[in-house]
């Protein structure tokens, strides 16, 4: 118990990770998870000029949300290392790619998949406008991956369309991560 509140196991674990400057991002990357991650990253940056580790296990997410989180990573002034600890796929690959230092645990796995558009209902004009915006975001996503991996946009586009899987070791060779995590 801390102060007047009873500490649950989850709260205790979260506090321990926070004290060690680790942000855990697990699950589908939606607005709620991205907001929580951004708040934790920005808070840790404000507290001290020490490195932060982002542990990422996300089987996909919303493309716009992922690119918003990419922007948050881009403004951090502290050293950031992203570590793939499970499956990372879809739009979440962009979050990993945006980190200056990228590691993967040996059994991490990656699926390069085309980020899916949300289902939209509305007039034909509204659907058309949304589709054009999704294609613009998709191009930004591919550009981010090209900058990170050194691969051509066309080759990345093909890998995303095919849903290519990579092991952790293959992700190193692909340029998605820089090395395997050892500790």
Protein backbone atom coordinates (compact mmCIF):
# COMPACT_ATOMS: atom_id res chain seq x y z
CA UNK A 1 0.00 0.00 0.00
CA UNK A 2 1.27 3.45 -0.93
CA UNK A 3 -0.28 6.36 0.89
CA UNK A 4 -3.99 5.77 1.21
CA UNK A 5 -4.41 3.57 -1.84
CA UNK A 6 -4.14 -0.16 -2.23
CA UNK A 7 -1.67 -1.10 -4.93
CA UNK A 8 -2.72 -3.83 -7.33
CA UNK A 9 -0.19 -6.08 -8.97
CA UNK A 10 -0.73 -4.34 -12.33
CA UNK A 11 -0.17 -0.94 -10.76
CA UNK A 12 2.97 -2.17 -9.04
CA UNK A 13 4.37 -3.58 -12.29
CA UNK A 14 3.53 -0.37 -14.16
CA UNK A 15 5.30 1.72 -11.53
CA UNK A 16 8.36 -0.52 -11.61
CA UNK A 17 8.57 -0.26 -15.41
CA UNK A 18 8.14 3.51 -15.22
CA UNK A 19 10.94 3.80 -12.65
CA UNK A 20 13.17 1.82 -15.02
CA UNK A 21 12.13 4.15 -17.90
CA UNK A 22 10.39 1.39 -19.83
CA UNK A 23 7.17 2.02 -21.73
CA UNK A 24 5.25 -1.15 -22.53
CA UNK A 25 3.08 -1.00 -25.66
CA UNK A 26 1.11 -4.18 -26.00
CA UNK A 27 -1.99 -4.78 -28.08
CA UNK A 28 -3.77 -3.23 -31.02
CA UNK A 29 -2.54 0.33 -31.56
CA UNK A 30 -5.65 2.44 -31.18
CA UNK A 31 -6.09 6.01 -29.98
CA UNK A 32 -6.24 4.95 -26.32
CA UNK A 33 -2.98 2.99 -26.39
CA UNK A 34 -1.19 5.67 -28.44
CA UNK A 35 -2.31 8.41 -26.05
CA UNK A 36 -1.11 6.40 -23.05
CA UNK A 37 2.25 5.70 -24.73
CA UNK A 38 2.73 9.34 -25.74
CA UNK A 39 1.92 10.52 -22.22
CA UNK A 40 4.38 8.08 -20.68
CA UNK A 41 7.16 8.92 -23.14
CA UNK A 42 6.74 12.67 -22.76
CA UNK A 43 6.52 12.39 -18.96
CA UNK A 44 9.70 10.31 -18.78
CA UNK A 45 11.47 12.80 -21.00
CA UNK A 46 10.37 15.68 -18.75
CA UNK A 47 11.54 13.87 -15.60
CA UNK A 48 15.12 13.18 -16.68
CA UNK A 49 17.52 13.26 -19.58
CA UNK A 50 18.08 9.50 -19.48
CA UNK A 51 17.41 6.83 -22.13
CA UNK A 52 13.93 5.35 -22.56
CA UNK A 53 13.08 1.86 -23.81
CA UNK A 54 9.85 1.22 -25.67
CA UNK A 55 8.87 -2.45 -25.58
CA UNK A 56 6.54 -3.08 -28.50
CA UNK A 57 4.25 -6.06 -29.08
CA UNK A 58 1.46 -4.90 -31.36
CA UNK A 59 -0.29 -6.92 -34.05
CA UNK A 60 -1.37 -3.84 -35.95
CA UNK A 61 -3.23 -0.64 -35.50
CA UNK A 62 -4.81 2.36 -37.05
CA UNK A 63 -2.57 4.05 -39.61
CA UNK A 64 -3.31 7.65 -38.60
CA UNK A 65 -2.83 6.77 -34.95
CA UNK A 66 0.51 5.10 -35.65
CA UNK A 67 1.78 8.09 -37.63
CA UNK A 68 0.71 10.40 -34.80
CA UNK A 69 2.79 8.32 -32.40
CA UNK A 70 5.67 8.43 -34.91
CA UNK A 71 5.51 12.23 -34.64
CA UNK A 72 5.74 11.99 -30.83
CA UNK A 73 8.84 9.80 -31.14
CA UNK A 74 10.30 12.37 -33.51
CA UNK A 75 10.15 15.21 -30.97
CA UNK A 76 11.72 13.31 -28.08
CA UNK A 77 15.08 14.75 -27.09
CA UNK A 78 16.20 11.74 -25.04
CA UNK A 79 17.74 8.54 -26.37
CA UNK A 80 15.00 6.10 -27.37
CA UNK A 81 15.36 2.40 -28.06
CA UNK A 82 12.40 0.41 -29.37
CA UNK A 83 12.48 -3.31 -28.64
CA UNK A 84 10.21 -5.74 -30.48
CA UNK A 85 9.19 -8.28 -27.84
CA UNK A 86 6.49 -10.21 -29.69
CA UNK A 87 4.56 -9.74 -32.88
CA UNK A 88 4.80 -6.35 -34.56
CA UNK A 89 2.77 -5.90 -37.72
CA UNK A 90 0.71 -3.53 -39.81
CA UNK A 91 0.79 0.13 -38.82
CA UNK A 92 2.76 -0.71 -35.66
CA UNK A 93 5.78 -1.46 -37.87
CA UNK A 94 5.91 2.29 -38.47
CA UNK A 95 6.27 3.00 -34.75
CA UNK A 96 9.19 0.59 -34.57
CA UNK A 97 10.75 2.09 -37.70
CA UNK A 98 10.56 5.61 -36.26
CA UNK A 99 12.77 4.81 -33.27
CA UNK A 100 16.41 5.86 -33.65
CA UNK A 101 17.59 2.56 -32.14
CA UNK A 102 15.69 -0.64 -32.90
CA UNK A 103 16.21 -4.06 -31.35
CA UNK A 104 14.28 -7.34 -31.42
CA UNK A 105 14.19 -10.27 -29.06
CA UNK A 106 15.22 -13.47 -30.86
CA UNK A 107 11.66 -14.82 -31.06
CA UNK A 108 10.02 -11.58 -32.13
CA UNK A 109 8.22 -11.76 -35.43
CA UNK A 110 7.13 -9.20 -37.94
CA UNK A 111 4.50 -9.07 -40.62
CA UNK A 112 4.75 -6.38 -43.22
CA UNK A 113 1.10 -5.79 -44.03
CA UNK A 114 -0.70 -3.00 -45.72
CA UNK A 115 -2.35 -0.90 -42.99
CA UNK A 116 -6.05 -1.27 -43.44
CA UNK A 117 -8.44 1.63 -43.76
CA UNK A 118 -11.19 1.95 -41.21
CA UNK A 119 -14.67 1.17 -42.41
CA UNK A 120 -16.33 4.39 -43.43
CA UNK A 121 -19.95 5.11 -44.12
CA UNK A 122 -21.28 8.22 -45.72
CA UNK A 123 -21.88 9.85 -49.01
CA UNK A 124 -19.86 8.89 -52.07
CA UNK A 125 -17.94 12.16 -51.71
CA UNK A 126 -17.10 11.45 -48.07
CA UNK A 127 -15.92 7.93 -48.87
CA UNK A 128 -13.80 9.28 -51.75
CA UNK A 129 -12.24 11.95 -49.53
CA UNK A 130 -11.43 9.37 -46.85
CA UNK A 131 -9.92 6.99 -49.42
CA UNK A 132 -7.64 9.73 -50.79
CA UNK A 133 -6.50 10.61 -47.25
CA UNK A 134 -5.79 6.95 -46.47
CA UNK A 135 -3.66 6.67 -49.62
CA UNK A 136 -1.73 9.80 -48.59
CA UNK A 137 -1.06 8.32 -45.14
CA UNK A 138 -0.09 5.01 -46.73
CA UNK A 139 2.50 6.80 -48.87
CA UNK A 140 3.93 8.49 -45.75
CA UNK A 141 4.07 5.07 -44.07
CA UNK A 142 5.97 3.55 -47.00
CA UNK A 143 8.34 6.54 -47.09
CA UNK A 144 9.09 6.07 -43.38
CA UNK A 145 9.87 2.38 -43.96
CA UNK A 146 12.02 3.22 -46.99
CA UNK A 147 14.02 5.78 -44.99
CA UNK A 148 14.53 3.28 -42.17
CA UNK A 149 15.34 0.16 -44.17
CA UNK A 150 17.08 1.70 -47.19
CA UNK A 151 14.74 -0.25 -49.48
CA UNK A 152 12.93 1.06 -52.52
CA UNK A 153 9.32 2.16 -52.02
CA UNK A 154 8.11 -0.19 -54.77
CA UNK A 155 9.71 -3.22 -53.12
CA UNK A 156 8.21 -2.23 -49.75
CA UNK A 157 4.81 -1.75 -51.36
CA UNK A 158 5.00 -5.28 -52.78
CA UNK A 159 6.06 -6.76 -49.41
CA UNK A 160 3.15 -4.95 -47.71
CA UNK A 161 0.67 -6.22 -50.30
CA UNK A 162 1.92 -9.80 -49.92
CA UNK A 163 1.91 -9.68 -46.11
CA UNK A 164 5.54 -10.76 -45.86
CA UNK A 165 6.63 -12.34 -42.56
CA UNK A 166 10.09 -11.79 -41.08
CA UNK A 167 11.82 -13.52 -38.21
CA UNK A 168 13.89 -11.36 -35.87
CA UNK A 169 17.08 -12.32 -37.71
CA UNK A 170 15.46 -11.60 -41.09
CA UNK A 171 14.30 -8.22 -39.76
CA UNK A 172 17.95 -7.37 -39.06
CA UNK A 173 18.90 -8.24 -42.64
CA UNK A 174 15.90 -6.31 -43.94
CA UNK A 175 16.99 -3.18 -42.04
CA UNK A 176 13.89 -3.00 -39.88
CA UNK A 177 15.87 -3.61 -36.70
CA UNK A 178 19.56 -3.04 -36.12
CA UNK A 179 20.35 -6.01 -33.91
CA UNK A 180 18.97 -8.72 -31.69
CA UNK A 181 18.51 -7.86 -28.03
CA UNK A 182 20.74 -9.87 -25.73
CA UNK A 183 19.64 -8.60 -22.33
